[in-house]
Amino acid sequence: MRRFGERQVVEGGRELWVYSGGEGSRDYVLVHGIGVSSLYYRPLAEVLAAHGRVHVVELPGFGKSLTPRRPLSIEDFAETAWEALDTLGIRDPVLIGHSMGAQVVVEMAIDRPSPRPIVLLGPTVNVRERTVPRQALRLTWDSIIEPFGVTPIVFGDYIRCGVPWYVRTLREMMRHRIEQRIPLVEAPILLMSGRRDPISPPSWLRTLAGLARSARTAVLDREAHVLMFRGAPEVARSIVQEADRAEEKA
């Protein structure tokens, strides 16, 4: 990632990589989804770096991070991410999660309440379609409609991740109930998706927003599930505005 430094962090035997760049008084932490790595976050990270310090977390078993010996729950991923951020001295960040990363961010926000907003991009798993076959169908369709450049990155990361770890993590992702956990989040929430997203459609955002204590929704008309790739400028603008709004209220 251009202009981003990388740091290896090992916490409790679990390895993470964190890619950091940018300057400013505010920290933004980006958490990726299942199977992938930091790579698809590059456009958003580089835009956000003009507004503060950006840290892209590569969770255990994904990207360059070594695969743990046992499966990790969504709660385990959240705990490990916080431990890594503590080690690096990153305090009170704006948390941003995409897909399964949104589930991790929800758990992180529950663990450590903060007035900073959290941002959930294409959050999983849609309660109306919580079966592996249905999710596989939606993922296949999404891979067809994503803009040029996204699918090679995602499937290249899937190959690096490997089927065994993907399947173990998928079980944990499907077990987690974001709709039951989001009411426990004290921070303001920004929910975003693409209007063409078959995995996390706008109707699912509205369901989650209705369950949250304080939530806003935003939908990008042209985008599918990986909305922050081509839509990086608009997503970044919404994130910064939400963070500014939360600071004004604090």
C-alpha atoms as a PDB file:
ATOM      1  CA  MET A   1       0.000   0.000   0.000  1.00  0.00           C
ATOM      2  CA  ARG A   2       1.598   3.255  -1.113  1.00  0.00           C
ATOM      3  CA  ARG A   3       2.906   5.492   1.678  1.00  0.00           C
ATOM      4  CA  PHE A   4       1.742   3.024   4.332  1.00  0.00           C
ATOM      5  CA  GLY A   5       4.131   1.390   6.783  1.00  0.00           C
ATOM      6  CA  GLU A   6       3.538  -2.194   7.897  1.00  0.00           C
ATOM      7  CA  ARG A   7       3.917  -3.627  11.384  1.00  0.00           C
ATOM      8  CA  GLN A   8       3.668  -7.219  12.589  1.00  0.00           C
ATOM      9  CA  VAL A   9       1.942  -7.725  15.917  1.00  0.00           C
ATOM     10  CA  VAL A  10       1.682 -11.004  17.810  1.00  0.00           C
ATOM     11  CA  GLU A  11      -0.817 -11.155  20.663  1.00  0.00           C
ATOM     12  CA  GLY A  12      -1.572 -14.354  22.558  1.00  0.00           C
ATOM     13  CA  GLY A  13       0.030 -16.435  19.826  1.00  0.00           C
ATOM     14  CA  ARG A  14      -2.128 -14.775  17.138  1.00  0.00           C
ATOM     15  CA  GLU A  15      -0.369 -12.823  14.401  1.00  0.00           C
ATOM     16  CA  LEU A  16      -1.759  -9.661  12.825  1.00  0.00           C
ATOM     17  CA  TRP A  17      -0.364  -7.164  10.362  1.00  0.00           C
ATOM     18  CA  VAL A  18      -1.301  -3.499  10.605  1.00  0.00           C
ATOM     19  CA  TYR A  19      -0.691  -1.037   7.752  1.00  0.00           C
ATOM     20  CA  SER A  20      -0.590   2.607   8.856  1.00  0.00           C
ATOM     21  CA  GLY A  21      -0.341   5.928   7.059  1.00  0.00           C
ATOM     22  CA  GLY A  22      -1.528   9.519   7.100  1.00  0.00           C
ATOM     23  CA  GLU A  23      -1.278  12.295   9.670  1.00  0.00           C
ATOM     24  CA  GLY A  24      -3.673  14.109  11.949  1.00  0.00           C
ATOM     25  CA  SER A  25      -5.372  14.028  15.322  1.00  0.00           C
ATOM     26  CA  ARG A  26      -7.908  11.331  14.474  1.00  0.00           C
ATOM     27  CA  ASP A  27      -7.306   7.603  13.990  1.00  0.00           C
ATOM     28  CA  TYR A  28      -9.307   5.462  11.595  1.00  0.00           C
ATOM     29  CA  VAL A  29      -9.099   1.663  11.917  1.00  0.00           C
ATOM     30  CA  LEU A  30     -10.247  -0.499   9.001  1.00  0.00           C
ATOM     31  CA  VAL A  31     -11.208  -4.163   9.508  1.00  0.00           C
ATOM     32  CA  HIS A  32     -11.683  -6.408   6.461  1.00  0.00           C
ATOM     33  CA  GLY A  33     -14.168  -9.179   5.731  1.00  0.00           C
ATOM     34  CA  ILE A  34     -13.885 -12.961   5.507  1.00  0.00           C
ATOM     35  CA  GLY A  35     -11.241 -14.433   3.216  1.00  0.00           C
ATOM     36  CA  VAL A  36      -9.685 -11.156   2.150  1.00  0.00           C
ATOM     37  CA  SER A  37      -6.847  -8.894   3.274  1.00  0.00           C
ATOM     38  CA  SER A  38      -5.950  -5.219   3.414  1.00  0.00           C
ATOM     39  CA  LEU A  39      -5.625  -4.957  -0.380  1.00  0.00           C
ATOM     40  CA  TYR A  40      -9.214  -4.110  -1.258  1.00  0.00           C
ATOM     41  CA  TYR A  41      -9.148  -1.304   1.310  1.00  0.00           C
ATOM     42  CA  ARG A  42      -6.349   0.522  -0.527  1.00  0.00           C
ATOM     43  CA  PRO A  43      -8.506   3.164  -2.300  1.00  0.00           C
ATOM     44  CA  LEU A  44     -10.417   4.056   0.873  1.00  0.00           C
ATOM     45  CA  ALA A  45      -7.298   4.021   3.061  1.00  0.00           C
ATOM     46  CA  GLU A  46      -5.466   6.400   0.745  1.00  0.00           C
ATOM     47  CA  VAL A  47      -8.383   8.846   0.620  1.00  0.00           C
ATOM     48  CA  LEU A  48      -8.894   8.737   4.406  1.00  0.00           C
ATOM     49  CA  ALA A  49      -5.165   9.315   4.954  1.00  0.00           C
ATOM     50  CA  ALA A  50      -5.740  12.930   3.910  1.00  0.00           C
ATOM     51  CA  HIS A  51      -7.974  13.328   6.971  1.00  0.00           C
ATOM     52  CA  GLY A  52      -6.074  11.510   9.716  1.00  0.00           C
ATOM     53  CA  ARG A  53      -4.027   8.462  10.664  1.00  0.00           C
ATOM     54  CA  VAL A  54      -5.317   5.304   8.989  1.00  0.00           C
ATOM     55  CA  HIS A  55      -4.619   1.773  10.244  1.00  0.00           C
ATOM     56  CA  VAL A  56      -5.696  -1.242   8.175  1.00  0.00           C
ATOM     57  CA  VAL A  57      -5.801  -4.401  10.292  1.00  0.00           C
ATOM     58  CA  GLU A  58      -5.084  -7.791   8.712  1.00  0.00           C
ATOM     59  CA  LEU A  59      -6.788 -10.317  10.984  1.00  0.00           C
ATOM     60  CA  PRO A  60      -5.209 -13.658  11.996  1.00  0.00           C
ATOM     61  CA  GLY A  61      -5.332 -16.204   9.163  1.00  0.00           C
ATOM     62  CA  PHE A  62      -5.817 -13.620   6.398  1.00  0.00           C
ATOM     63  CA  GLY A  63      -3.404 -11.843   4.080  1.00  0.00           C
ATOM     64  CA  LYS A  64       0.133 -12.073   5.461  1.00  0.00           C
ATOM     65  CA  SER A  65      -1.021 -13.112   8.941  1.00  0.00           C
ATOM     66  CA  LEU A  66      -0.350 -16.684   9.998  1.00  0.00           C
ATOM     67  CA  THR A  67      -3.281 -19.060  10.479  1.00  0.00           C
ATOM     68  CA  PRO A  68      -4.053 -19.769  14.147  1.00  0.00           C
ATOM     69  CA  ARG A  69      -4.132 -23.331  15.421  1.00  0.00           C
ATOM     70  CA  ARG A  70      -7.808 -23.174  16.345  1.00  0.00           C
ATOM     71  CA  PRO A  71     -10.843 -21.337  14.912  1.00  0.00           C
ATOM     72  CA  LEU A  72     -11.485 -17.823  16.198  1.00  0.00           C
ATOM     73  CA  SER A  73     -14.935 -16.504  16.992  1.00  0.00           C
ATOM     74  CA  ILE A  74     -16.008 -13.000  16.011  1.00  0.00           C
ATOM     75  CA  GLU A  75     -15.458 -12.048  19.640  1.00  0.00           C
ATOM     76  CA  ASP A  76     -11.924 -13.507  19.482  1.00  0.00           C
ATOM     77  CA  PHE A  77     -11.117 -11.425  16.403  1.00  0.00           C
ATOM     78  CA  ALA A  78     -12.388  -8.305  18.198  1.00  0.00           C
ATOM     79  CA  GLU A  79     -10.311  -9.000  21.303  1.00  0.00           C
ATOM     80  CA  THR A  80      -7.167  -9.669  19.264  1.00  0.00           C
ATOM     81  CA  ALA A  81      -7.651  -6.500  17.211  1.00  0.00           C
ATOM     82  CA  TRP A  82      -7.947  -4.392  20.386  1.00  0.00           C
ATOM     83  CA  GLU A  83      -4.842  -6.016  21.853  1.00  0.00           C
ATOM     84  CA  ALA A  84      -2.892  -5.180  18.703  1.00  0.00           C
ATOM     85  CA  LEU A  85      -4.123  -1.580  18.708  1.00  0.00           C
ATOM     86  CA  ASP A  86      -3.142  -1.261  22.374  1.00  0.00           C
ATOM     87  CA  THR A  87       0.348  -2.521  21.562  1.00  0.00           C
ATOM     88  CA  LEU A  88       0.672   0.081  18.819  1.00  0.00           C
ATOM     89  CA  GLY A  89      -0.642   2.876  21.047  1.00  0.00           C
ATOM     90  CA  ILE A  90      -3.752   3.538  18.966  1.00  0.00           C
ATOM     91  CA  ARG A  91      -6.404   5.017  21.253  1.00  0.00           C
ATOM     92  CA  ASP A  92     -10.102   5.765  20.720  1.00  0.00           C
ATOM     93  CA  PRO A  93     -10.213   5.326  16.919  1.00  0.00           C
ATOM     94  CA  VAL A  94     -13.110   5.541  14.498  1.00  0.00           C
ATOM     95  CA  LEU A  95     -13.790   1.859  13.763  1.00  0.00           C
ATOM     96  CA  ILE A  96     -14.716   0.841  10.212  1.00  0.00           C
ATOM     97  CA  GLY A  97     -15.636  -2.717   9.270  1.00  0.00           C
ATOM     98  CA  HIS A  98     -16.656  -4.251   5.961  1.00  0.00           C
ATOM     99  CA  SER A  99     -18.784  -7.397   5.624  1.00  0.00           C
ATOM    100  CA  MET A 100     -17.643  -9.808   8.378  1.00  0.00           C
ATOM    101  CA  GLY A 101     -15.387  -6.983   9.570  1.00  0.00           C
ATOM    102  CA  ALA A 102     -18.562  -5.094  10.490  1.00  0.00           C
ATOM    103  CA  GLN A 103     -19.425  -7.915  12.893  1.00  0.00           C
ATOM    104  CA  VAL A 104     -15.943  -7.652  14.414  1.00  0.00           C
ATOM    105  CA  VAL A 105     -16.287  -3.876  14.775  1.00  0.00           C
ATOM    106  CA  VAL A 106     -19.643  -4.253  16.534  1.00  0.00           C
ATOM    107  CA  GLU A 107     -17.977  -6.514  19.111  1.00  0.00           C
ATOM    108  CA  MET A 108     -15.075  -4.084  19.459  1.00  0.00           C
ATOM    109  CA  ALA A 109     -17.522  -1.239  20.113  1.00  0.00           C
ATOM    110  CA  ILE A 110     -19.371  -3.277  22.736  1.00  0.00           C
ATOM    111  CA  ASP A 111     -16.105  -4.175  24.456  1.00  0.00           C
ATOM    112  CA  ARG A 112     -14.965  -0.542  24.698  1.00  0.00           C
ATOM    113  CA  PRO A 113     -17.756   2.046  24.545  1.00  0.00           C
ATOM    114  CA  SER A 114     -16.732   5.355  22.972  1.00  0.00           C
ATOM    115  CA  PRO A 115     -18.383   8.525  21.665  1.00  0.00           C
ATOM    116  CA  ARG A 116     -16.525   7.966  18.395  1.00  0.00           C
ATOM    117  CA  PRO A 117     -18.803   6.598  15.663  1.00  0.00           C
ATOM    118  CA  ILE A 118     -18.449   3.166  14.136  1.00  0.00           C
ATOM    119  CA  VAL A 119     -18.967   2.558  10.427  1.00  0.00           C
ATOM    120  CA  LEU A 120     -20.444  -0.681   9.094  1.00  0.00           C
ATOM    121  CA  LEU A 121     -19.955  -1.204   5.343  1.00  0.00           C
ATOM    122  CA  GLY A 122     -22.077  -3.974   3.833  1.00  0.00           C
ATOM    123  CA  PRO A 123     -22.577  -5.667   7.242  1.00  0.00           C
ATOM    124  CA  THR A 124     -23.232  -9.403   7.373  1.00  0.00           C
ATOM    125  CA  VAL A 125     -25.158 -11.658   7.899  1.00  0.00           C
ATOM    126  CA  ASN A 126     -28.588 -10.746   6.490  1.00  0.00           C
ATOM    127  CA  VAL A 127     -31.018 -12.506   8.837  1.00  0.00           C
ATOM    128  CA  ARG A 128     -33.365 -13.267   5.931  1.00  0.00           C
ATOM    129  CA  GLU A 129     -30.661 -15.297   4.170  1.00  0.00           C
ATOM    130  CA  ARG A 130     -28.627 -16.881   6.926  1.00  0.00           C
ATOM    131  CA  THR A 131     -27.725 -20.144   5.178  1.00  0.00           C
ATOM    132  CA  VAL A 132     -24.419 -21.101   3.584  1.00  0.00           C
ATOM    133  CA  PRO A 133     -25.957 -21.957   0.166  1.00  0.00           C
ATOM    134  CA  ARG A 134     -27.787 -18.634   0.052  1.00  0.00           C
ATOM    135  CA  GLN A 135     -24.665 -16.691   1.023  1.00  0.00           C
ATOM    136  CA  ALA A 136     -22.619 -18.562  -1.582  1.00  0.00           C
ATOM    137  CA  LEU A 137     -25.184 -17.679  -4.232  1.00  0.00           C
ATOM    138  CA  ARG A 138     -25.114 -14.018  -3.253  1.00  0.00           C
ATOM    139  CA  LEU A 139     -21.308 -13.955  -3.224  1.00  0.00           C
ATOM    140  CA  THR A 140     -21.180 -15.482  -6.704  1.00  0.00           C
ATOM    141  CA  TRP A 141     -23.606 -12.905  -8.049  1.00  0.00           C
ATOM    142  CA  ASP A 142     -21.687 -10.088  -6.389  1.00  0.00           C
ATOM    143  CA  SER A 143     -18.432 -11.224  -8.020  1.00  0.00           C
ATOM    144  CA  ILE A 144     -20.100 -10.806 -11.411  1.00  0.00           C
ATOM    145  CA  ILE A 145     -21.371  -7.263 -10.855  1.00  0.00           C
ATOM    146  CA  GLU A 146     -18.409  -5.731  -9.013  1.00  0.00           C
ATOM    147  CA  PRO A 147     -16.360  -3.141 -10.952  1.00  0.00           C
ATOM    148  CA  PHE A 148     -13.241  -4.182 -12.825  1.00  0.00           C
ATOM    149  CA  GLY A 149     -10.299  -4.733 -10.491  1.00  0.00           C
ATOM    150  CA  VAL A 150     -12.171  -5.914  -7.392  1.00  0.00           C
ATOM    151  CA  THR A 151     -12.728  -9.598  -8.187  1.00  0.00           C
ATOM    152  CA  PRO A 152      -9.063 -10.465  -8.941  1.00  0.00           C
ATOM    153  CA  ILE A 153      -8.026  -8.940  -5.605  1.00  0.00           C
ATOM    154  CA  VAL A 154     -10.727 -10.749  -3.648  1.00  0.00           C
ATOM    155  CA  PHE A 155     -10.203 -14.163  -5.221  1.00  0.00           C
ATOM    156  CA  GLY A 156      -6.426 -13.844  -4.973  1.00  0.00           C
ATOM    157  CA  ASP A 157      -6.892 -13.287  -1.239  1.00  0.00           C
ATOM    158  CA  TYR A 158      -9.264 -16.266  -1.027  1.00  0.00           C
ATOM    159  CA  ILE A 159      -6.529 -18.481  -2.469  1.00  0.00           C
ATOM    160  CA  ARG A 160      -4.002 -17.167   0.076  1.00  0.00           C
ATOM    161  CA  CYS A 161      -6.482 -17.714   2.897  1.00  0.00           C
ATOM    162  CA  GLY A 162      -7.174 -21.316   1.905  1.00  0.00           C
ATOM    163  CA  VAL A 163     -10.350 -23.372   2.106  1.00  0.00           C
ATOM    164  CA  PRO A 164      -9.864 -24.861   5.621  1.00  0.00           C
ATOM    165  CA  TRP A 165      -9.469 -21.501   7.394  1.00  0.00           C
ATOM    166  CA  TYR A 166     -12.205 -19.900   5.298  1.00  0.00           C
ATOM    167  CA  VAL A 167     -14.663 -22.646   6.237  1.00  0.00           C
ATOM    168  CA  ARG A 168     -13.772 -22.502   9.944  1.00  0.00           C
ATOM    169  CA  THR A 169     -14.229 -18.751   9.964  1.00  0.00           C
ATOM    170  CA  LEU A 170     -17.438 -18.971   7.940  1.00  0.00           C
ATOM    171  CA  ARG A 171     -18.992 -21.131  10.662  1.00  0.00           C
ATOM    172  CA  GLU A 172     -18.208 -18.452  13.238  1.00  0.00           C
ATOM    173  CA  MET A 173     -19.460 -15.669  10.983  1.00  0.00           C
ATOM    174  CA  MET A 174     -22.781 -17.480  10.501  1.00  0.00           C
ATOM    175  CA  ARG A 175     -23.070 -18.203  14.232  1.00  0.00           C
ATOM    176  CA  HIS A 176     -22.703 -14.545  15.205  1.00  0.00           C
ATOM    177  CA  ARG A 177     -25.965 -12.574  15.406  1.00  0.00           C
ATOM    178  CA  ILE A 178     -25.236  -8.959  14.589  1.00  0.00           C
ATOM    179  CA  GLU A 179     -28.919  -8.080  14.897  1.00  0.00           C
ATOM    180  CA  GLN A 180     -28.821  -9.167  18.545  1.00  0.00           C
ATOM    181  CA  ARG A 181     -25.553  -7.387  19.298  1.00  0.00           C
ATOM    182  CA  ILE A 182     -26.046  -4.029  17.583  1.00  0.00           C
ATOM    183  CA  PRO A 183     -28.569  -2.770  20.199  1.00  0.00           C
ATOM    184  CA  LEU A 184     -25.727  -3.006  22.753  1.00  0.00           C
ATOM    185  CA  VAL A 185     -23.524  -0.521  20.870  1.00  0.00           C
ATOM    186  CA  GLU A 186     -23.470   2.861  22.613  1.00  0.00           C
ATOM    187  CA  ALA A 187     -21.595   4.687  19.851  1.00  0.00           C
ATOM    188  CA  PRO A 188     -23.383   6.342  16.936  1.00  0.00           C
ATOM    189  CA  ILE A 189     -23.424   4.020  13.918  1.00  0.00           C
ATOM    190  CA  LEU A 190     -23.127   4.809  10.215  1.00  0.00           C
ATOM    191  CA  LEU A 191     -24.468   1.953   8.086  1.00  0.00           C
ATOM    192  CA  MET A 192     -23.524   1.969   4.399  1.00  0.00           C
ATOM    193  CA  SER A 193     -24.065  -0.352   1.442  1.00  0.00           C
ATOM    194  CA  GLY A 194     -24.312  -0.293  -2.319  1.00  0.00           C
ATOM    195  CA  ARG A 195     -27.777  -0.251  -3.831  1.00  0.00           C
ATOM    196  CA  ARG A 196     -26.722  -3.248  -5.990  1.00  0.00           C
ATOM    197  CA  ASP A 197     -25.301  -5.216  -3.030  1.00  0.00           C
ATOM    198  CA  PRO A 198     -26.849  -8.722  -3.040  1.00  0.00           C
ATOM    199  CA  ILE A 199     -25.174  -9.702   0.251  1.00  0.00           C
ATOM    200  CA  SER A 200     -26.075  -6.691   2.392  1.00  0.00           C
ATOM    201  CA  PRO A 201     -28.941  -4.883   0.610  1.00  0.00           C
ATOM    202  CA  PRO A 202     -30.349  -1.521   1.731  1.00  0.00           C
ATOM    203  CA  SER A 203     -33.357  -3.270   3.314  1.00  0.00           C
ATOM    204  CA  TRP A 204     -30.970  -5.063   5.683  1.00  0.00           C
ATOM    205  CA  LEU A 205     -29.366  -1.736   6.629  1.00  0.00           C
ATOM    206  CA  ARG A 206     -32.774  -0.370   7.543  1.00  0.00           C
ATOM    207  CA  THR A 207     -33.437  -3.415   9.730  1.00  0.00           C
ATOM    208  CA  LEU A 208     -30.175  -2.916  11.625  1.00  0.00           C
ATOM    209  CA  ALA A 209     -30.715   0.836  11.917  1.00  0.00           C
ATOM    210  CA  GLY A 210     -34.091   0.170  13.502  1.00  0.00           C
ATOM    211  CA  LEU A 211     -32.443  -2.007  16.153  1.00  0.00           C
ATOM    212  CA  ALA A 212     -29.581   0.376  16.986  1.00  0.00           C
ATOM    213  CA  ARG A 213     -29.617   3.077  19.661  1.00  0.00           C
ATOM    214  CA  SER A 214     -28.379   5.720  17.240  1.00  0.00           C
ATOM    215  CA  ALA A 215     -27.826   5.009  13.546  1.00  0.00           C
ATOM    216  CA  ARG A 216     -27.780   6.656  10.152  1.00  0.00           C
ATOM    217  CA  THR A 217     -27.845   4.907   6.777  1.00  0.00           C
ATOM    218  CA  ALA A 218     -26.320   5.813   3.443  1.00  0.00           C
ATOM    219  CA  VAL A 219     -26.590   3.961   0.127  1.00  0.00           C
ATOM    220  CA  LEU A 220     -24.321   4.370  -2.906  1.00  0.00           C
ATOM    221  CA  ASP A 221     -26.356   3.995  -6.071  1.00  0.00           C
ATOM    222  CA  ARG A 222     -23.749   2.467  -8.414  1.00  0.00           C
ATOM    223  CA  GLU A 223     -22.008   0.130  -5.985  1.00  0.00           C
ATOM    224  CA  ALA A 224     -22.313  -3.522  -4.983  1.00  0.00           C
ATOM    225  CA  HIS A 225     -20.827  -5.215  -1.894  1.00  0.00           C
ATOM    226  CA  VAL A 226     -17.280  -3.810  -2.067  1.00  0.00           C
ATOM    227  CA  LEU A 227     -18.655  -0.270  -2.116  1.00  0.00           C
ATOM    228  CA  MET A 228     -15.480   1.337  -0.775  1.00  0.00           C
ATOM    229  CA  PHE A 229     -13.339   0.348  -3.790  1.00  0.00           C
ATOM    230  CA  ARG A 230     -14.709   2.458  -6.623  1.00  0.00           C
ATOM    231  CA  GLY A 231     -16.794   4.513  -4.202  1.00  0.00           C
ATOM    232  CA  ALA A 232     -13.836   5.403  -1.944  1.00  0.00           C
ATOM    233  CA  PRO A 233     -14.215   9.226  -2.176  1.00  0.00           C
ATOM    234  CA  GLU A 234     -17.918   9.147  -1.277  1.00  0.00           C
ATOM    235  CA  VAL A 235     -17.454   6.570   1.481  1.00  0.00           C
ATOM    236  CA  ALA A 236     -14.550   8.527   2.965  1.00  0.00           C
ATOM    237  CA  ARG A 237     -16.541  11.763   2.859  1.00  0.00           C
ATOM    238  CA  SER A 238     -19.431  10.134   4.728  1.00  0.00           C
ATOM    239  CA  ILE A 239     -17.069   8.687   7.343  1.00  0.00           C
ATOM    240  CA  VAL A 240     -15.321  11.995   7.987  1.00  0.00           C
ATOM    241  CA  GLN A 241     -18.636  13.853   8.208  1.00  0.00           C
ATOM    242  CA  GLU A 242     -19.953  11.297  10.697  1.00  0.00           C
ATOM    243  CA  ALA A 243     -16.810  11.606  12.806  1.00  0.00           C
ATOM    244  CA  ASP A 244     -17.047  15.418  12.713  1.00  0.00           C
ATOM    245  CA  ARG A 245     -20.707  15.262  13.716  1.00  0.00           C
ATOM    246  CA  ALA A 246     -19.927  13.012  16.704  1.00  0.00           C
ATOM    247  CA  GLU A 247     -17.158  15.387  17.878  1.00  0.00           C
ATOM    248  CA  GLU A 248     -19.492  18.372  17.707  1.00  0.00           C
ATOM    249  CA  LYS A 249     -21.985  16.574  19.947  1.00  0.00           C
ATOM    250  CA  ALA A 250     -19.359  15.423  22.451  1.00  0.00           C
END
